[in-house]
Protein backbone atom coordinates (compact mmCIF):
# COMPACT_ATOMS: atom_id res chain seq x y z
CA MET A 1 40.51 27.03 7.80
CA SER A 2 38.08 26.32 10.67
CA ASP A 3 38.08 29.98 11.72
CA LYS A 4 37.00 31.02 8.25
CA ASN A 5 34.19 28.46 8.22
CA GLU A 6 32.91 29.67 11.58
CA GLU A 7 33.08 33.26 10.40
CA SER A 8 31.12 32.51 7.20
CA THR A 9 28.45 30.70 9.24
CA GLU A 10 28.07 33.69 11.51
CA HIS A 11 27.49 36.01 8.56
CA THR A 12 24.95 33.94 6.60
CA GLU A 13 21.58 35.60 6.24
CA HIS A 14 19.66 32.79 7.94
CA LYS A 15 20.28 29.92 10.32
CA LEU A 16 17.03 27.99 10.73
CA LEU A 17 16.27 25.47 13.46
CA LEU A 18 13.14 23.34 13.88
CA ARG A 19 12.36 22.69 17.55
CA GLN A 20 9.64 22.50 20.19
CA LEU A 21 8.15 25.69 21.54
CA GLN A 22 8.90 26.80 25.10
CA LEU A 23 7.16 29.25 27.40
CA LYS A 24 9.98 31.77 26.94
CA ASP A 25 8.98 31.98 23.25
CA TYR A 26 5.59 33.46 24.08
CA ASN A 27 6.34 37.10 23.25
CA GLU A 28 7.71 36.22 19.82
CA VAL A 29 4.76 33.89 19.13
CA LYS A 30 2.37 36.64 20.26
CA GLU A 31 3.96 39.15 17.90
CA ILE A 32 3.55 36.88 14.88
CA MET A 33 0.00 35.75 15.70
CA GLU A 34 -1.22 39.31 16.31
CA THR A 35 0.11 40.23 12.87
CA VAL A 36 -1.19 37.17 11.04
CA TYR A 37 -4.57 36.93 12.82
CA SER A 38 -5.17 40.64 13.41
CA ASN A 39 -8.74 40.41 12.15
CA MET A 40 -9.54 37.16 13.97
CA GLY A 41 -8.78 37.66 17.63
CA GLY A 42 -5.00 37.74 17.51
CA THR A 43 -3.07 35.48 19.83
CA TRP A 44 -3.50 33.17 22.79
CA THR A 45 -2.91 34.61 26.26
CA ARG A 46 0.22 33.62 28.11
CA LYS A 47 -1.90 31.45 30.41
CA GLU A 48 -3.50 29.66 27.46
CA PHE A 49 -0.13 29.20 25.75
CA SER A 50 1.30 27.78 28.98
CA ASN A 51 -1.66 25.44 29.33
CA LEU A 52 -1.13 24.15 25.79
CA LEU A 53 2.55 23.46 26.47
CA LYS A 54 1.70 21.56 29.63
CA LYS A 55 -0.91 19.39 27.95
CA PHE A 56 1.04 18.47 24.83
CA PRO A 57 4.56 19.94 24.69
CA GLU A 58 5.64 17.68 21.81
CA GLY A 59 2.87 19.00 19.59
CA GLN A 60 3.90 22.67 19.75
CA ILE A 61 6.71 23.30 17.29
CA CYS A 62 8.45 26.29 15.78
CA ILE A 63 11.18 27.37 13.42
CA GLU A 64 13.69 29.85 14.78
CA ASP A 65 16.13 31.95 12.80
CA LYS A 66 19.29 32.78 14.71
CA GLY A 67 17.44 32.35 17.99
CA ARG A 68 14.27 34.22 17.02
CA VAL A 69 10.94 32.39 16.49
CA VAL A 70 9.68 33.14 12.97
CA ALA A 71 7.04 30.42 12.43
CA GLY A 72 5.08 27.93 14.47
CA ALA A 73 2.44 25.20 14.48
CA LEU A 74 0.17 24.23 17.37
CA SER A 75 -1.56 20.85 17.67
CA LEU A 76 -3.58 18.57 19.93
CA ILE A 77 -4.36 14.87 19.98
CA VAL A 78 -8.09 14.15 19.98
CA ASP A 79 -10.35 11.15 19.94
CA TYR A 80 -11.99 12.08 16.68
CA SER A 81 -15.02 9.86 17.23
CA GLU A 82 -16.09 12.24 20.02
CA TYR A 83 -16.32 15.17 17.59
CA GLY A 84 -16.87 13.77 14.11
CA ASP A 85 -17.12 15.97 11.06
CA LYS A 86 -19.65 18.36 12.58
CA HIS A 87 -17.71 20.46 15.03
CA THR A 88 -16.38 23.99 15.43
CA TYR A 89 -12.95 25.38 16.20
CA GLU A 90 -14.23 26.52 19.59
CA GLN A 91 -15.29 22.99 20.51
CA ILE A 92 -11.71 21.85 19.92
CA VAL A 93 -9.87 24.64 21.76
CA ASP A 94 -12.61 25.08 24.43
CA ARG A 95 -11.91 28.72 25.33
CA GLY A 96 -8.18 28.10 25.60
CA THR A 97 -8.47 25.22 28.06
CA PHE A 98 -7.75 22.62 25.34
CA LYS A 99 -9.76 20.02 27.23
CA SER A 100 -10.23 18.12 23.99
CA HIS A 101 -6.61 16.93 24.17
CA ASP A 102 -6.55 13.20 24.76
CA PRO A 103 -3.15 11.45 24.96
CA GLU A 104 -4.94 8.20 24.07
CA GLY A 105 -6.69 9.77 21.06
CA ASP A 106 -6.24 8.69 17.45
CA THR A 107 -5.95 11.96 15.49
CA LEU A 108 -3.55 14.90 15.43
CA TYR A 109 -5.63 18.09 15.26
CA GLY A 110 -3.99 21.18 13.79
CA ILE A 111 -4.97 24.31 15.74
CA ASP A 112 -2.80 27.02 14.20
CA VAL A 113 0.00 27.53 11.72
CA PHE A 114 1.63 30.94 11.49
CA VAL A 115 4.62 32.37 9.64
CA HIS A 116 6.08 35.83 10.11
CA PRO A 117 5.26 37.92 6.99
CA ASP A 118 8.96 38.62 6.42
CA TYR A 119 9.61 34.88 6.00
CA ARG A 120 6.80 33.82 3.68
CA ASN A 121 9.11 33.33 0.73
CA LEU A 122 11.10 30.56 2.48
CA ARG A 123 8.34 27.93 2.47
CA LEU A 124 8.49 27.51 6.22
CA GLY A 125 4.88 26.42 6.28
CA ARG A 126 5.82 23.35 4.27
CA ARG A 127 8.54 22.50 6.81
CA LEU A 128 6.04 22.76 9.63
CA TYR A 129 3.52 20.58 7.80
CA ASP A 130 6.21 17.96 7.12
CA ALA A 131 7.16 18.03 10.82
CA ARG A 132 3.51 17.50 11.77
CA LYS A 133 3.32 14.52 9.43
CA GLU A 134 6.47 13.05 10.96
CA MET A 135 5.00 13.57 14.42
CA CYS A 136 1.76 11.89 13.38
CA GLU A 137 3.63 8.87 12.03
CA ASN A 138 5.89 8.56 15.08
CA LEU A 139 2.91 8.77 17.42
CA ASN A 140 1.06 6.17 15.29
CA LEU A 141 -2.02 8.35 14.84
CA ARG A 142 -4.58 7.80 12.09
CA GLY A 143 -3.96 11.15 10.48
CA ILE A 144 -4.12 14.92 10.75
CA ILE A 145 -7.36 16.91 10.79
CA ALA A 146 -7.56 20.68 10.53
CA GLY A 147 -10.12 23.31 9.74
CA GLY A 148 -8.91 25.40 6.83
CA ARG A 149 -9.88 28.96 6.05
CA ILE A 150 -10.72 30.01 2.48
CA PRO A 151 -9.95 33.75 2.64
CA GLY A 152 -9.91 34.12 -1.14
CA TYR A 153 -13.61 33.31 -1.21
CA LYS A 154 -14.44 36.93 -0.33
CA ASP A 155 -13.76 37.90 -3.95
CA TYR A 156 -16.08 35.25 -5.35
CA ALA A 157 -18.85 34.91 -2.77
CA ASN A 158 -21.32 36.73 -5.02
CA LYS A 159 -20.57 34.50 -8.00
CA LEU A 160 -19.69 31.03 -6.67
CA THR A 161 -20.94 28.65 -4.03
CA PRO A 162 -18.29 27.53 -1.53
CA ALA A 163 -18.30 24.07 -3.12
CA LYS A 164 -17.71 25.48 -6.59
CA TYR A 165 -14.96 27.78 -5.32
CA ILE A 166 -13.19 24.88 -3.60
CA GLU A 167 -13.51 22.74 -6.73
CA MET A 168 -11.93 25.47 -8.86
CA VAL A 169 -9.08 25.88 -6.38
CA ARG A 170 -8.54 22.12 -6.40
CA ASN A 171 -8.43 22.18 -10.22
CA LYS A 172 -5.99 25.13 -10.11
CA GLU A 173 -8.41 27.39 -11.95
CA LEU A 174 -8.29 29.69 -8.92
CA SER A 175 -5.75 30.17 -6.14
CA ASP A 176 -6.51 30.55 -2.45
CA PRO A 177 -3.72 31.69 -0.10
CA VAL A 178 -4.60 29.00 2.46
CA LEU A 179 -6.39 26.18 0.65
CA SER A 180 -3.97 26.01 -2.30
CA PHE A 181 -1.10 25.58 0.13
CA GLN A 182 -2.88 22.86 2.09
CA LEU A 183 -3.82 20.90 -1.02
CA SER A 184 -0.22 21.07 -2.24
CA ASN A 185 0.80 19.44 1.05
CA GLU A 186 -1.24 16.29 0.37
CA PHE A 187 -4.29 17.26 2.40
CA HIS A 188 -7.70 16.60 0.90
CA VAL A 189 -11.02 18.28 1.58
CA ARG A 190 -13.16 15.98 3.66
CA LYS A 191 -16.11 18.33 4.16
CA ILE A 192 -17.25 21.95 3.86
CA MET A 193 -18.21 23.44 7.23
CA LYS A 194 -20.38 26.46 8.01
CA ASN A 195 -19.68 28.60 11.11
CA TYR A 196 -16.47 26.77 11.93
CA LEU A 197 -14.95 30.21 12.55
CA PRO A 198 -17.96 32.57 12.75
CA ASP A 199 -15.73 35.68 12.83
CA ASP A 200 -13.85 34.76 9.66
CA LYS A 201 -15.39 37.38 7.35
CA ASP A 202 -13.04 36.75 4.44
CA SER A 203 -14.13 33.10 4.32
CA ARG A 204 -17.75 34.14 4.91
CA ALA A 205 -17.64 31.83 7.97
CA TYR A 206 -17.03 28.80 5.74
CA ALA A 207 -14.10 26.44 6.21
CA THR A 208 -12.78 23.23 4.75
CA LEU A 209 -12.35 20.20 6.95
CA LEU A 210 -8.98 18.95 5.78
CA GLU A 211 -7.45 15.53 6.30
CA TRP A 212 -4.06 13.96 5.80
CA VAL A 213 -4.06 10.18 6.16
CA ASN A 214 -1.15 8.45 7.86
CA VAL A 215 -0.59 5.41 5.66
CA TYR A 216 1.74 3.96 8.29
CA PHE A 217 -0.92 3.85 10.97
CA GLU A 218 -1.22 0.46 12.61
CA GLU A 219 -3.83 -0.70 15.05
CA LYS A 220 -2.28 -1.35 18.43
CA GLU A 221 0.42 -3.83 17.66
CA LYS A 222 0.30 -7.30 19.08
CA LEU A 223 3.28 -8.34 21.17
CA ILE A 224 3.49 -11.48 19.03
CA GLY A 225 1.93 -12.48 15.73
CA GLY A 226 1.62 -8.96 14.32
CA LYS A 227 1.57 -8.11 10.62
CA LYS A 228 4.98 -7.81 8.98
CA THR A 229 6.12 -4.77 7.02
CA VAL A 230 8.99 -6.62 5.30
CA VAL A 231 7.98 -9.96 3.81
CA ARG A 232 10.48 -12.59 2.66
CA ILE A 233 9.26 -14.73 -0.22
CA GLY A 234 10.82 -17.76 -1.86
CA ILE A 235 9.93 -18.93 -5.34
CA VAL A 236 10.89 -22.27 -6.85
CA GLN A 237 11.89 -22.58 -10.49
CA TRP A 238 10.98 -26.22 -10.71
CA GLN A 239 12.76 -28.88 -12.78
CA MET A 240 10.34 -31.21 -14.54
CA ARG A 241 11.75 -34.73 -14.23
CA ALA A 242 10.40 -38.24 -14.29
CA VAL A 243 9.24 -39.62 -10.94
CA LYS A 244 8.62 -43.18 -9.82
CA SER A 245 5.78 -42.45 -7.41
CA LEU A 246 3.90 -39.76 -5.50
CA ASP A 247 6.31 -40.26 -2.58
CA ASP A 248 9.19 -39.60 -4.95
CA MET A 249 7.63 -36.28 -5.97
CA MET A 250 6.81 -35.31 -2.38
CA GLN A 251 10.48 -35.75 -1.45
CA GLN A 252 11.39 -33.15 -4.07
CA ILE A 253 8.67 -30.82 -2.84
CA GLU A 254 9.79 -31.19 0.78
CA PHE A 255 13.39 -30.50 -0.22
CA PHE A 256 12.44 -27.06 -1.58
CA VAL A 257 10.08 -26.26 1.30
CA ASP A 258 12.86 -27.13 3.75
CA THR A 259 15.44 -25.11 1.81
CA VAL A 260 13.34 -21.98 1.44
CA SER A 261 12.06 -22.10 5.04
CA SER A 262 15.65 -22.34 6.32
CA TYR A 263 16.11 -18.77 5.03
CA LYS A 264 13.25 -17.65 7.32
CA SER A 265 10.95 -17.07 4.35
CA ASP A 266 7.30 -16.34 4.97
CA ILE A 267 5.95 -17.99 1.83
CA VAL A 268 7.15 -20.36 -0.91
CA VAL A 269 5.60 -20.59 -4.37
CA PHE A 270 5.59 -23.50 -6.82
CA PRO A 271 4.74 -23.29 -10.55
CA GLU A 272 1.58 -24.13 -12.45
CA PHE A 273 1.14 -27.89 -12.96
CA PHE A 274 4.34 -28.63 -11.02
CA ASN A 275 2.93 -32.14 -10.52
CA ALA A 276 2.77 -32.85 -14.27
CA PRO A 277 5.34 -35.70 -14.01
CA LEU A 278 2.61 -37.74 -12.34
CA MET A 279 0.80 -37.90 -15.70
CA ALA A 280 3.45 -40.34 -16.89
CA LEU A 281 2.38 -42.71 -14.09
CA THR A 282 -1.22 -42.86 -15.29
CA LYS A 283 -0.38 -44.99 -18.38
CA GLU A 284 -3.12 -43.13 -20.28
CA ASP A 285 -2.51 -42.49 -23.99
CA SER A 286 -5.05 -39.67 -24.30
CA PRO A 287 -3.93 -36.28 -22.84
CA SER A 288 -7.47 -35.60 -21.59
CA GLU A 289 -7.62 -38.95 -19.80
CA ALA A 290 -4.10 -38.59 -18.43
CA ILE A 291 -4.78 -35.24 -16.77
CA ARG A 292 -8.06 -36.50 -15.30
CA SER A 293 -6.22 -39.46 -13.83
CA MET A 294 -3.55 -37.12 -12.47
CA ALA A 295 -6.31 -35.13 -10.74
CA GLU A 296 -6.81 -38.14 -8.46
CA TYR A 297 -3.51 -37.19 -6.73
CA THR A 298 -4.56 -33.60 -6.05
CA ASP A 299 -6.26 -34.04 -2.68
CA GLU A 300 -3.39 -36.10 -1.31
CA ILE A 301 -0.78 -33.58 -2.46
CA ARG A 302 -2.78 -30.73 -0.93
CA GLU A 303 -3.04 -32.50 2.43
CA GLN A 304 0.68 -33.28 2.48
CA MET A 305 1.53 -29.68 1.61
CA ILE A 306 -0.68 -28.40 4.43
CA HIS A 307 1.33 -30.65 6.74
CA LEU A 308 4.58 -29.24 5.30
CA ALA A 309 3.32 -25.69 5.86
CA LEU A 310 2.69 -26.51 9.51
CA SER A 311 5.87 -28.42 10.17
CA TYR A 312 8.19 -25.94 8.41
CA ASN A 313 6.29 -22.83 9.55
CA ILE A 314 5.91 -21.40 6.06
CA ASN A 315 2.94 -20.51 3.87
CA ILE A 316 2.89 -22.52 0.64
CA ILE A 317 1.28 -21.67 -2.68
CA ALA A 318 0.97 -25.09 -4.26
CA GLY A 319 1.39 -23.84 -7.82
CA SER A 320 -1.62 -25.32 -9.53
CA MET A 321 -3.06 -28.78 -9.98
CA PRO A 322 -5.99 -30.26 -11.90
CA GLU A 323 -9.26 -30.78 -10.09
CA TYR A 324 -11.92 -33.08 -11.55
CA TYR A 325 -15.26 -32.42 -9.94
CA ASP A 326 -18.81 -33.14 -11.07
CA ASN A 327 -17.47 -34.31 -14.45
CA LYS A 328 -15.74 -30.96 -14.98
CA LEU A 329 -12.00 -30.36 -15.13
CA TYR A 330 -10.53 -27.24 -13.50
CA ASN A 331 -7.09 -25.80 -12.79
CA VAL A 332 -6.73 -24.76 -9.15
CA SER A 333 -4.04 -23.20 -6.96
CA TYR A 334 -4.03 -24.01 -3.25
CA LEU A 335 -2.84 -21.62 -0.57
CA CYS A 336 -1.68 -23.76 2.36
CA ARG A 337 -1.25 -21.48 5.36
CA ARG A 338 1.14 -22.21 8.18
CA ASP A 339 -1.73 -22.06 10.67
CA GLY A 340 -3.16 -25.27 9.17
CA THR A 341 -5.92 -23.72 7.04
CA TYR A 342 -6.11 -23.65 3.26
CA ASP A 343 -7.93 -21.86 0.48
CA LYS A 344 -7.95 -22.03 -3.30
CA GLN A 345 -8.13 -19.93 -6.45
CA TYR A 346 -9.37 -21.38 -9.73
CA LYS A 347 -7.85 -20.41 -13.03
CA LEU A 348 -10.54 -18.27 -14.63
CA HIS A 349 -9.32 -18.11 -18.23
CA VAL A 350 -8.24 -21.30 -19.96
CA THR A 351 -6.04 -21.15 -23.02
CA PRO A 352 -7.21 -22.56 -26.36
CA ASP A 353 -4.63 -25.33 -25.92
CA GLU A 354 -5.98 -26.31 -22.48
CA SER A 355 -9.49 -26.39 -23.83
CA HIS A 356 -8.57 -28.36 -26.96
CA TYR A 357 -6.30 -31.02 -25.41
CA TRP A 358 -7.85 -31.41 -21.99
CA GLY A 359 -11.38 -29.99 -22.09
CA MET A 360 -10.51 -27.72 -19.17
CA ARG A 361 -12.99 -25.13 -17.87
CA GLY A 362 -12.49 -21.79 -16.19
CA GLY A 363 -13.58 -21.06 -12.64
CA HIS A 364 -16.05 -18.32 -11.69
CA LYS A 365 -14.75 -16.58 -8.57
CA LEU A 366 -11.88 -14.25 -7.76
CA LYS A 367 -10.53 -14.27 -4.20
CA ILE A 368 -8.36 -12.09 -2.02
CA PHE A 369 -6.51 -14.08 0.64
CA ASP A 370 -5.84 -12.90 4.19
CA THR A 371 -2.53 -14.20 5.46
CA ASP A 372 -0.10 -13.39 8.24
CA ILE A 373 1.93 -11.38 5.71
CA GLY A 374 -1.03 -9.30 4.56
CA LYS A 375 -3.50 -9.61 1.70
CA ILE A 376 -2.31 -11.51 -1.36
CA GLY A 377 -3.76 -12.57 -4.68
CA ILE A 378 -3.12 -15.56 -6.94
CA LEU A 379 -3.61 -15.50 -10.71
CA ILE A 380 -2.67 -18.63 -12.62
CA CYS A 381 -0.62 -17.99 -15.75
CA TYR A 382 -3.01 -16.77 -18.51
CA ASP A 383 -5.14 -14.92 -15.93
CA VAL A 384 -2.40 -12.32 -15.39
CA GLU A 385 -2.88 -11.27 -19.02
CA PHE A 386 -6.32 -9.88 -18.12
CA PRO A 387 -5.69 -6.60 -16.25
CA GLU A 388 -9.21 -6.43 -14.83
CA LEU A 389 -8.52 -9.27 -12.41
CA ALA A 390 -5.44 -7.73 -10.80
CA ARG A 391 -7.19 -4.36 -10.59
CA MET A 392 -10.10 -5.94 -8.70
CA LEU A 393 -7.65 -7.61 -6.31
CA SER A 394 -5.89 -4.28 -5.86
CA ASP A 395 -9.21 -2.67 -4.96
CA MET A 396 -9.42 -5.33 -2.24
CA ASP A 397 -6.06 -4.11 -0.85
CA MET A 398 -3.80 -6.77 -2.37
CA LYS A 399 -0.10 -6.09 -1.71
CA ILE A 400 1.55 -9.09 -3.39
CA LEU A 401 0.32 -10.95 -6.46
CA PHE A 402 1.61 -14.48 -7.07
CA VAL A 403 1.54 -15.92 -10.59
CA PRO A 404 2.39 -19.62 -11.00
CA TYR A 405 2.74 -20.28 -14.74
CA TRP A 406 3.65 -22.93 -17.27
CA THR A 407 5.03 -21.88 -20.64
CA ASP A 408 6.70 -23.90 -23.34
CA THR A 409 8.42 -21.20 -25.41
CA LYS A 410 10.05 -17.84 -24.83
CA ASN A 411 7.33 -15.86 -26.58
CA ALA A 412 4.71 -17.51 -24.35
CA TYR A 413 6.84 -16.73 -21.30
CA LEU A 414 7.25 -13.10 -22.34
CA ARG A 415 3.49 -12.65 -22.50
CA VAL A 416 3.29 -13.66 -18.85
CA ARG A 417 6.34 -11.63 -17.84
CA ARG A 418 5.41 -8.40 -19.60
CA CYS A 419 1.84 -8.51 -18.30
CA ALA A 420 3.03 -9.28 -14.77
CA GLN A 421 5.33 -6.25 -14.89
CA ALA A 422 2.44 -4.09 -16.05
CA ARG A 423 0.25 -5.38 -13.21
CA ALA A 424 2.92 -4.37 -10.67
CA ILE A 425 3.11 -0.83 -12.01
CA GLU A 426 -0.57 -0.13 -12.56
CA ASN A 427 -1.68 -1.67 -9.25
CA GLU A 428 1.22 -0.46 -7.08
CA CYS A 429 2.01 -3.95 -5.81
CA TYR A 430 4.69 -6.62 -5.98
CA VAL A 431 4.26 -9.50 -8.44
CA ALA A 432 6.11 -12.82 -8.17
CA ILE A 433 6.04 -15.25 -11.09
CA THR A 434 7.47 -18.77 -11.29
CA GLY A 435 7.44 -21.59 -13.82
CA SER A 436 9.05 -24.91 -14.71
CA VAL A 437 12.11 -25.92 -16.70
CA GLY A 438 13.28 -29.15 -18.31
CA ASN A 439 11.46 -31.77 -20.40
CA LEU A 440 8.86 -34.50 -19.90
CA PRO A 441 9.27 -36.86 -22.90
CA LYS A 442 6.30 -39.13 -22.10
CA VAL A 443 3.78 -36.41 -21.21
CA GLU A 444 1.94 -35.09 -24.26
CA ASN A 445 1.18 -31.34 -24.21
CA MET A 446 3.60 -30.82 -21.26
CA ASP A 447 6.76 -32.05 -22.95
CA ILE A 448 8.91 -28.87 -23.05
CA GLN A 449 9.23 -25.92 -20.67
CA TYR A 450 10.63 -22.39 -20.69
CA SER A 451 10.99 -20.24 -17.57
CA GLN A 452 12.79 -17.34 -15.96
CA SER A 453 11.13 -16.79 -12.59
CA ALA A 454 11.18 -13.26 -11.23
CA VAL A 455 9.85 -10.77 -8.69
CA PHE A 456 8.66 -7.38 -9.97
CA SER A 457 8.01 -4.09 -8.20
CA PRO A 458 6.40 -0.80 -9.13
CA SER A 459 8.67 1.61 -11.00
CA ASP A 460 9.69 4.59 -8.87
CA PHE A 461 12.74 5.88 -7.03
CA ALA A 462 12.26 3.73 -3.91
CA PHE A 463 12.33 0.50 -5.96
CA PRO A 464 15.01 -1.15 -8.13
CA HIS A 465 15.88 1.00 -11.15
CA ASP A 466 14.53 -1.61 -13.57
CA ALA A 467 11.56 -2.56 -11.33
CA VAL A 468 12.95 -6.11 -11.04
CA VAL A 469 13.56 -7.16 -7.43
CA ALA A 470 15.10 -10.52 -8.38
CA GLU A 471 15.14 -12.92 -11.31
CA ALA A 472 16.34 -16.44 -11.93
CA THR A 473 18.77 -17.77 -14.49
CA PRO A 474 16.65 -18.87 -17.47
CA ASN A 475 15.88 -22.57 -17.75
CA THR A 476 17.83 -23.59 -14.64
CA GLU A 477 16.38 -25.24 -11.55
CA MET A 478 16.86 -22.86 -8.63
CA THR A 479 15.17 -20.78 -5.96
CA LEU A 480 14.85 -17.02 -5.52
CA ILE A 481 14.67 -15.37 -2.10
CA ALA A 482 13.50 -11.76 -1.98
CA ASP A 483 12.54 -9.28 0.73
CA LEU A 484 9.54 -7.06 -0.09
CA ASP A 485 9.04 -3.84 1.87
CA LEU A 486 5.29 -3.23 2.10
CA ASP A 487 5.78 0.25 3.56
CA LEU A 488 7.26 1.37 0.25
CA LEU A 489 3.89 0.65 -1.35
CA LYS A 490 2.22 3.00 1.14
CA ASP A 491 4.69 5.74 0.25
CA LEU A 492 4.10 5.17 -3.45
CA ASN A 493 0.34 5.42 -3.06
CA THR A 494 0.48 8.78 -1.33
CA ALA A 495 3.66 10.43 -2.58
CA GLY A 496 4.83 8.57 -5.69
CA SER A 497 5.99 10.28 -8.87
CA VAL A 498 2.71 9.05 -10.34
CA ARG A 499 -0.19 7.55 -8.42
CA ASN A 500 -2.00 5.11 -10.64
CA LEU A 501 -4.56 3.98 -8.08
CA ARG A 502 -5.44 7.44 -6.80
CA ASP A 503 -5.54 9.11 -10.20
CA ARG A 504 -8.10 6.80 -11.78
CA ARG A 505 -11.03 8.68 -13.31
CA LYS A 506 -13.79 6.93 -11.41
CA ASP A 507 -16.13 9.66 -12.58
CA LEU A 508 -15.73 8.24 -16.09
CA TYR A 509 -15.44 4.47 -15.66
CA ASN A 510 -15.70 1.64 -13.17
CA LEU A 511 -15.03 -2.06 -12.88
CA SER A 512 -17.50 -4.55 -11.45
CA TRP A 513 -17.92 -8.29 -11.10
CA VAL A 514 -20.86 -9.88 -12.89
CA THR A 515 -22.93 -12.02 -10.55
CA ARG A 516 -23.98 -15.23 -12.25
CA LYS A 517 -27.30 -16.87 -11.41
CA GLU A 518 -25.63 -20.13 -10.40
CA ASP A 519 -23.39 -18.22 -7.99
């Protein structure tokens, strides 16, 4: 059996291998380059090829077929700030000395890609481009830059400007043997350059400055305290129950903070108005007076939760609580960071019920929060039903959206859930929602609860098949712990089945925040 397998391998038409180039490959490289670039100077000399291998051996790659080199790609690392967008090919290669190569640079620069004419139907160029991308990611470089020829322009130079020709190629109205291939490999045109390759008659000396962005690039990583790529979140589906005092409630809060932090979670989230049981302690008959009296506890709860964040080394989103300020009642969520700082997000849209029973007002500002797990957003309940808010947060690079909510019935809950799922898909982010369960007999307008807390993801192959990372048992007090891979969001943005953020028609519409005079 094994002899037959070996024999069939020997007699296959091709046996391809991707590897680094070596000096002994020069003659085969020379043969291909003289064929491919016959009208543009041909190949590098053996001395120049040797020099390139000495400077950056890892960057010179090839594909061999049964021991024979049939395609290759040559690259350098450069400090792109030294050259910028106005440079020529000669400035990069420097007469074959390749002095521009800088091991401490930030950009992979593509010098040449060549494929033997007999192998152009095997898509070897795509393999080489993918290998370059992998190299760029592993070397933690910002991206790949290359000057791209537009040889098809020779047939349209009398009718189209270079910009118009490139636009038509991008829109697939025309095809260019080089540019079409590069665009299909996720490169974008950064600039049109004149005299990049003065001897390129087919391109009329024009070239495209092409860029591929490495979404995994990280600034030099700190030895400690660096940004995480996998974030563990904990959400609390909170049981509403009568309490005897603020201390009684804080014991319950600390229990959940302790529990979630013991699983090494980075953040814990409580629901909207999780402190509602305190309204029963106010002895107020009027709902509007009861919630204003409950607001007197807010500052103390916030300070104690900041202390819990510090002592348990976990970021806390303190659901939401009422704030009574300047004779105005607001609904506010506090972010208590584990470094001892805090911030807050006001609920911007109040429901008719909140306005009627409590006289609550909406806030006026939308914030993105910097944390040690990345940029996050907070939208309180009803706010998630307004897609503009999450889109603005996404434009500020939000990766995780937290939605503390309070709902009394299943149809109210489903409004929050369905909208939260939509926000995850359209903004390519994770969304975590959590609410309360149980009953509060002596608290008017907060007497019944319905909740099924959950964590949602975008909908693509890298994520759960139903785009639900985790979800709680309905109407049961419990916690959810979920790990969120932020790198998957980068992949989705650049190579997803659909790319909602990138494909927006900004030439047709935009979204902006209205600046109010009092702001």
